[in-house]
Amino acid sequence: MLINLGVGWHKSSLPKEVKTSIKAANFKENHTILYELDFIQLAHFLFKPYSIKDINDLPTVISKMLDKTLSKAEQKEIKNYFPKNNWDRYFNDVVDCESEQLNNKWSKLYEIRIKVAHNKSLKEVDYHAGNELCNFLQPIIDDAIKSLDVLEIPEEEREAISLNSMTTIDNSIKPFIENYQIFTTGLSETIKANQDIFSNIASAIKPIQSFLDYSNSGTFAIGNSLKDALGSIESTKGIILSGDSIDRWSDLTSNSMQLFSEASSSLQNNYEGLTISDNITSFLDLKNDSDDSGEK
């Protein structure tokens, strides 16, 4: 999966100055995030269900499609709202093993592994069971690795996979990831609805980074407040995806709602007459409620 994703574990995705500013004292340069995981957490990367898109948007999508025959692209869009684990999503068709069976075997091996790792009493029956489980799992893992050459992961799904996988390490970052997915969806929708302003980035897979790239090239104007807000969001995401400074993730994402609200407000203020997506409006409503509360 790491080979095919190409994101999440590559240090080069994080700006050097950001990495330097947040590096923890115990940071290990040659250390990847996989070394921070317990044996059972590795299974979460494969077997923990999640949806590619925000499920709260599903009723709206369905209502728009009820009265027409769905194309394959529209069917796929709906399916992306359904929670599904990575094994079922990418490996089930090329490796002969159901995720439920594989997960059960993995969990049983984990119980035996705990006894070995903590020097607990290990019965002969456990020893034989452990060998049988390893003999069952090894060829499946080998087949999965061999399938990497034929495994295709769409570019638009890669980042979502990596971000959702990170919640298996620290669940406190889940609100940031959910808000990030809502905001990026809203930004993509806003870009498409304002072709006269954003024609060059209408099909951007990564709308925030593309937005910043095109603004830096002088394609269209962007205010400092919007640029700073979008930059902060991308920097926080980059820190999470790099696997660095795990002990600071919760601090970095604690004000995520405020961060996305500020970005949404700056986007609205930056362009006169901009048609705003409902997903962006949801953050604007929260900011307005917060400002009203502050005034009182």
Protein backbone atom coordinates (compact mmCIF):
# COMPACT_ATOMS: atom_id res chain seq x y z
CA MET A 1 0.00 0.00 0.00
CA LEU A 2 2.83 2.41 0.81
CA ILE A 3 4.42 1.74 -2.58
CA ASN A 4 1.19 2.46 -4.43
CA LEU A 5 -0.05 5.38 -2.36
CA GLY A 6 3.12 7.40 -2.65
CA VAL A 7 1.90 9.81 0.04
CA GLY A 8 1.80 9.80 3.80
CA TRP A 9 5.22 8.39 4.55
CA HIS A 10 7.42 10.53 2.33
CA LYS A 11 9.26 13.23 4.25
CA SER A 12 9.62 15.36 1.11
CA SER A 13 5.90 16.19 1.23
CA LEU A 14 6.53 18.41 4.25
CA PRO A 15 8.23 21.81 3.84
CA LYS A 16 11.66 21.84 5.48
CA GLU A 17 10.95 24.95 7.54
CA VAL A 18 7.74 23.44 8.90
CA LYS A 19 9.49 20.19 9.84
CA THR A 20 12.29 22.10 11.58
CA SER A 21 9.89 24.24 13.58
CA ILE A 22 7.85 21.36 15.01
CA LYS A 23 10.45 18.59 15.31
CA ALA A 24 10.21 16.85 18.67
CA ALA A 25 13.31 16.22 20.78
CA ASN A 26 12.97 12.46 20.34
CA PHE A 27 12.41 12.63 16.57
CA LYS A 28 14.29 9.93 14.63
CA GLU A 29 15.22 10.93 11.07
CA ASN A 30 15.40 7.31 9.85
CA HIS A 31 12.24 6.32 11.69
CA THR A 32 8.92 5.76 9.88
CA ILE A 33 5.49 5.91 11.40
CA LEU A 34 5.08 2.13 11.12
CA TYR A 35 7.57 1.74 13.96
CA GLU A 36 5.17 3.65 16.25
CA LEU A 37 2.43 1.07 15.77
CA ASP A 38 1.48 -1.93 17.84
CA PHE A 39 1.01 -5.21 15.95
CA ILE A 40 -2.78 -4.97 16.06
CA GLN A 41 -2.76 -1.37 14.79
CA LEU A 42 -1.20 -2.57 11.54
CA ALA A 43 -4.42 -4.49 10.96
CA HIS A 44 -6.44 -1.30 11.38
CA PHE A 45 -4.81 0.09 8.24
CA LEU A 46 -6.42 -2.75 6.29
CA PHE A 47 -9.61 -3.60 8.18
CA LYS A 48 -10.97 -0.38 9.73
CA PRO A 49 -13.91 0.85 7.58
CA TYR A 50 -14.13 4.47 6.46
CA SER A 51 -15.82 6.42 3.67
CA ILE A 52 -13.97 8.38 1.00
CA LYS A 53 -16.52 11.20 1.15
CA ASP A 54 -18.46 12.88 3.96
CA ILE A 55 -21.53 10.73 4.61
CA ASN A 56 -23.51 13.81 5.74
CA ASP A 57 -23.65 14.89 2.08
CA LEU A 58 -25.15 11.58 0.94
CA PRO A 59 -28.86 12.53 1.24
CA THR A 60 -28.30 15.53 -1.05
CA VAL A 61 -26.46 13.42 -3.60
CA ILE A 62 -29.14 10.72 -3.58
CA SER A 63 -31.99 13.21 -3.93
CA LYS A 64 -30.39 14.63 -7.08
CA MET A 65 -30.06 11.18 -8.62
CA LEU A 66 -33.37 9.51 -7.72
CA ASP A 67 -35.18 10.42 -10.92
CA LYS A 68 -32.54 9.39 -13.44
CA THR A 69 -30.51 6.40 -14.57
CA LEU A 70 -27.11 6.50 -12.93
CA SER A 71 -23.92 6.42 -14.94
CA LYS A 72 -20.97 4.34 -13.73
CA ALA A 73 -19.29 7.51 -12.50
CA GLU A 74 -22.37 8.48 -10.49
CA GLN A 75 -22.66 4.97 -9.04
CA LYS A 76 -19.03 5.16 -7.96
CA GLU A 77 -19.63 8.57 -6.35
CA ILE A 78 -22.44 7.15 -4.21
CA LYS A 79 -20.37 4.10 -3.25
CA ASN A 80 -17.60 6.40 -1.99
CA TYR A 81 -19.94 7.47 0.83
CA PHE A 82 -20.27 3.90 2.12
CA PRO A 83 -17.77 2.86 4.82
CA LYS A 84 -15.41 0.20 3.52
CA ASN A 85 -12.02 -1.10 4.62
CA ASN A 86 -8.88 -0.98 2.49
CA TRP A 87 -8.68 -4.75 2.06
CA ASP A 88 -12.19 -4.93 0.59
CA ARG A 89 -11.62 -1.77 -1.42
CA TYR A 90 -8.32 -2.76 -3.06
CA PHE A 91 -7.22 -6.34 -2.35
CA ASN A 92 -10.34 -8.48 -2.17
CA ASP A 93 -10.57 -8.94 -5.95
CA VAL A 94 -6.92 -9.94 -6.42
CA VAL A 95 -6.20 -11.99 -3.26
CA ASP A 96 -8.23 -15.06 -2.37
CA CYS A 97 -9.20 -14.21 1.21
CA GLU A 98 -12.14 -12.33 2.73
CA SER A 99 -11.26 -9.43 5.04
CA GLU A 100 -13.31 -10.82 7.93
CA GLN A 101 -11.45 -14.13 7.87
CA LEU A 102 -8.08 -12.42 7.53
CA ASN A 103 -8.82 -9.99 10.35
CA ASN A 104 -9.93 -12.82 12.67
CA LYS A 105 -6.74 -14.77 12.00
CA TRP A 106 -4.64 -11.65 12.55
CA SER A 107 -6.38 -10.96 15.88
CA LYS A 108 -5.77 -14.51 17.10
CA LEU A 109 -2.10 -14.25 16.18
CA TYR A 110 -1.96 -10.93 18.07
CA GLU A 111 -3.12 -12.66 21.26
CA ILE A 112 -0.30 -15.20 20.97
CA ARG A 113 2.19 -12.49 20.06
CA ILE A 114 1.33 -10.64 23.31
CA LYS A 115 2.25 -13.70 25.35
CA VAL A 116 5.61 -13.95 23.60
CA ALA A 117 6.36 -10.22 23.73
CA HIS A 118 5.60 -9.96 27.47
CA ASN A 119 7.21 -13.25 28.49
CA LYS A 120 3.95 -14.78 29.63
CA SER A 121 3.29 -18.49 29.90
CA LEU A 122 2.99 -20.04 26.44
CA LYS A 123 1.32 -23.42 26.15
CA GLU A 124 2.25 -25.95 23.51
CA VAL A 125 -1.19 -25.53 21.96
CA ASP A 126 -0.48 -21.79 21.57
CA TYR A 127 2.84 -22.52 19.88
CA HIS A 128 1.22 -24.81 17.33
CA ALA A 129 -1.69 -22.42 16.81
CA GLY A 130 0.77 -19.58 16.19
CA ASN A 131 2.63 -21.60 13.59
CA GLU A 132 -0.61 -22.51 11.83
CA LEU A 133 -1.72 -18.87 11.79
CA CYS A 134 1.63 -17.73 10.36
CA ASN A 135 1.46 -20.43 7.70
CA PHE A 136 -2.03 -19.23 6.80
CA LEU A 137 -1.18 -15.51 6.76
CA GLN A 138 2.21 -15.56 5.05
CA PRO A 139 1.06 -16.65 1.55
CA ILE A 140 -1.83 -14.17 1.69
CA ILE A 141 0.56 -11.32 2.48
CA ASP A 142 2.88 -12.54 -0.28
CA ASP A 143 -0.02 -12.58 -2.77
CA ALA A 144 -1.03 -9.06 -1.70
CA ILE A 145 2.52 -7.80 -2.28
CA LYS A 146 2.65 -9.51 -5.69
CA SER A 147 -0.64 -7.80 -6.63
CA LEU A 148 0.84 -4.31 -6.18
CA ASP A 149 1.79 -4.16 -9.86
CA VAL A 150 -1.85 -4.50 -10.90
CA LEU A 151 -3.39 -2.56 -8.03
CA GLU A 152 -4.77 0.79 -9.17
CA ILE A 153 -5.56 3.49 -6.62
CA PRO A 154 -7.12 6.64 -8.11
CA GLU A 155 -5.19 9.82 -7.36
CA GLU A 156 -8.21 11.42 -5.68
CA GLU A 157 -8.43 8.54 -3.18
CA ARG A 158 -4.78 8.33 -2.14
CA GLU A 159 -4.77 11.23 0.27
CA ALA A 160 -8.08 10.17 1.83
CA ILE A 161 -6.68 6.69 2.47
CA SER A 162 -3.57 8.05 4.16
CA LEU A 163 -5.44 10.57 6.30
CA ASN A 164 -8.03 8.05 7.46
CA SER A 165 -5.27 5.57 8.25
CA MET A 166 -3.68 8.09 10.61
CA THR A 167 -6.73 8.01 12.90
CA THR A 168 -5.71 4.45 13.85
CA ILE A 169 -2.70 6.04 15.56
CA ASP A 170 -4.38 9.06 17.16
CA ASN A 171 -8.15 9.34 17.09
CA SER A 172 -7.99 12.94 18.38
CA ILE A 173 -7.11 14.13 14.85
CA LYS A 174 -10.34 12.72 13.39
CA PRO A 175 -12.24 16.09 13.61
CA PHE A 176 -9.47 17.80 11.63
CA ILE A 177 -9.53 15.09 8.96
CA GLU A 178 -13.33 15.21 8.69
CA ASN A 179 -13.26 19.01 8.44
CA TYR A 180 -10.45 18.82 5.89
CA GLN A 181 -12.50 16.51 3.67
CA ILE A 182 -15.60 18.70 3.98
CA PHE A 183 -13.63 21.88 3.26
CA THR A 184 -11.73 20.47 0.25
CA THR A 185 -14.99 19.15 -1.21
CA GLY A 186 -16.54 22.58 -0.71
CA LEU A 187 -13.54 24.33 -2.24
CA SER A 188 -13.69 22.05 -5.30
CA GLU A 189 -17.41 22.78 -5.67
CA THR A 190 -16.80 26.52 -5.28
CA ILE A 191 -14.07 26.43 -7.93
CA LYS A 192 -16.37 24.64 -10.39
CA ALA A 193 -19.21 27.09 -9.70
CA ASN A 194 -16.98 30.09 -10.46
CA GLN A 195 -15.35 29.21 -13.76
CA ASP A 196 -14.83 32.86 -14.68
CA ILE A 197 -12.41 33.23 -11.74
CA PHE A 198 -10.93 29.76 -11.35
CA SER A 199 -10.99 28.31 -14.86
CA ASN A 200 -7.40 27.05 -14.64
CA ILE A 201 -8.02 24.84 -11.58
CA ALA A 202 -11.53 23.56 -12.24
CA SER A 203 -10.42 19.93 -12.23
CA ALA A 204 -7.94 20.10 -9.36
CA ILE A 205 -7.70 16.85 -7.39
CA LYS A 206 -6.03 18.67 -4.48
CA PRO A 207 -7.88 21.99 -4.49
CA ILE A 208 -6.09 23.73 -1.61
CA GLN A 209 -2.57 23.11 -2.90
CA SER A 210 -3.62 23.82 -6.48
CA PHE A 211 -5.30 27.01 -5.31
CA LEU A 212 -2.07 28.14 -3.63
CA ASP A 213 0.08 27.11 -6.60
CA TYR A 214 -1.98 29.04 -9.14
CA SER A 215 -2.21 32.10 -6.92
CA ASN A 216 1.57 32.13 -6.46
CA SER A 217 2.02 31.99 -10.22
CA GLY A 218 -0.03 35.18 -10.55
CA THR A 219 -2.99 33.51 -12.28
CA PHE A 220 -5.39 35.18 -9.87
CA ALA A 221 -5.14 37.39 -6.80
CA ILE A 222 -5.30 36.02 -3.26
CA GLY A 223 -5.26 38.00 -0.02
CA ASN A 224 -2.75 37.34 2.76
CA SER A 225 -5.41 36.16 5.23
CA LEU A 226 -6.72 33.54 2.79
CA LYS A 227 -3.21 32.50 1.78
CA ASP A 228 -2.16 32.14 5.44
CA ALA A 229 -5.28 30.14 6.36
CA LEU A 230 -4.94 27.74 3.42
CA GLY A 231 -1.21 27.41 4.07
CA SER A 232 -1.81 26.54 7.73
CA ILE A 233 -4.34 23.85 6.76
CA GLU A 234 -1.93 22.29 4.26
CA SER A 235 0.98 22.46 6.70
CA THR A 236 -1.03 20.70 9.40
CA LYS A 237 -2.11 18.03 6.93
CA GLY A 238 1.49 17.62 5.76
CA ILE A 239 2.72 17.10 9.33
CA ILE A 240 0.13 14.37 9.86
CA LEU A 241 0.86 12.66 6.56
CA SER A 242 4.61 12.70 7.17
CA GLY A 243 4.18 10.80 10.43
CA ASP A 244 6.41 13.29 12.28
CA SER A 245 5.80 14.70 15.79
CA ILE A 246 2.99 12.31 16.67
CA ASP A 247 2.99 13.59 20.25
CA ARG A 248 1.98 17.06 18.98
CA TRP A 249 -0.80 16.08 16.58
CA SER A 250 -3.61 16.81 19.04
CA ASP A 251 -2.17 20.28 19.78
CA LEU A 252 -1.79 21.07 16.08
CA THR A 253 -5.40 20.10 15.30
CA SER A 254 -7.16 21.36 18.44
CA ASN A 255 -8.35 24.58 16.73
CA SER A 256 -9.20 22.95 13.41
CA MET A 257 -12.77 24.25 13.32
CA GLN A 258 -11.54 27.82 13.78
CA LEU A 259 -8.90 27.26 11.10
CA PHE A 260 -11.44 26.11 8.49
CA SER A 261 -13.88 28.85 9.50
CA GLU A 262 -11.20 31.50 9.00
CA ALA A 263 -10.27 30.03 5.62
CA SER A 264 -13.92 30.00 4.53
CA SER A 265 -14.47 33.58 5.67
CA SER A 266 -11.30 34.76 3.93
CA LEU A 267 -12.36 32.98 0.73
CA GLN A 268 -15.73 34.75 0.77
CA ASN A 269 -14.15 38.14 1.48
CA ASN A 270 -11.41 37.73 -1.13
CA TYR A 271 -13.76 37.56 -4.14
CA GLU A 272 -16.79 39.75 -4.64
CA GLY A 273 -19.93 37.92 -5.79
CA LEU A 274 -18.40 34.46 -5.29
CA THR A 275 -20.83 31.53 -5.41
CA ILE A 276 -20.07 29.57 -2.23
CA SER A 277 -20.58 25.81 -1.82
CA ASP A 278 -22.86 24.63 1.00
CA ASN A 279 -19.89 22.84 2.55
CA ILE A 280 -18.02 26.15 2.81
CA THR A 281 -21.16 27.89 4.07
CA SER A 282 -21.32 25.44 7.00
CA PHE A 283 -17.99 26.79 8.26
CA LEU A 284 -19.14 30.38 7.68
CA ASP A 285 -22.24 29.76 9.81
CA LEU A 286 -20.07 28.46 12.64
CA LYS A 287 -17.81 31.51 12.43
CA ASN A 288 -20.79 33.87 12.48
CA ASP A 289 -22.19 32.09 15.53
CA SER A 290 -18.81 32.37 17.23
CA ASP A 291 -18.48 36.09 16.38
CA ASP A 292 -22.00 36.80 17.67
CA SER A 293 -21.22 34.97 20.90
CA GLY A 294 -18.01 36.97 21.29
CA GLU A 295 -19.81 40.30 20.83
CA LYS A 296 -22.32 39.40 23.52
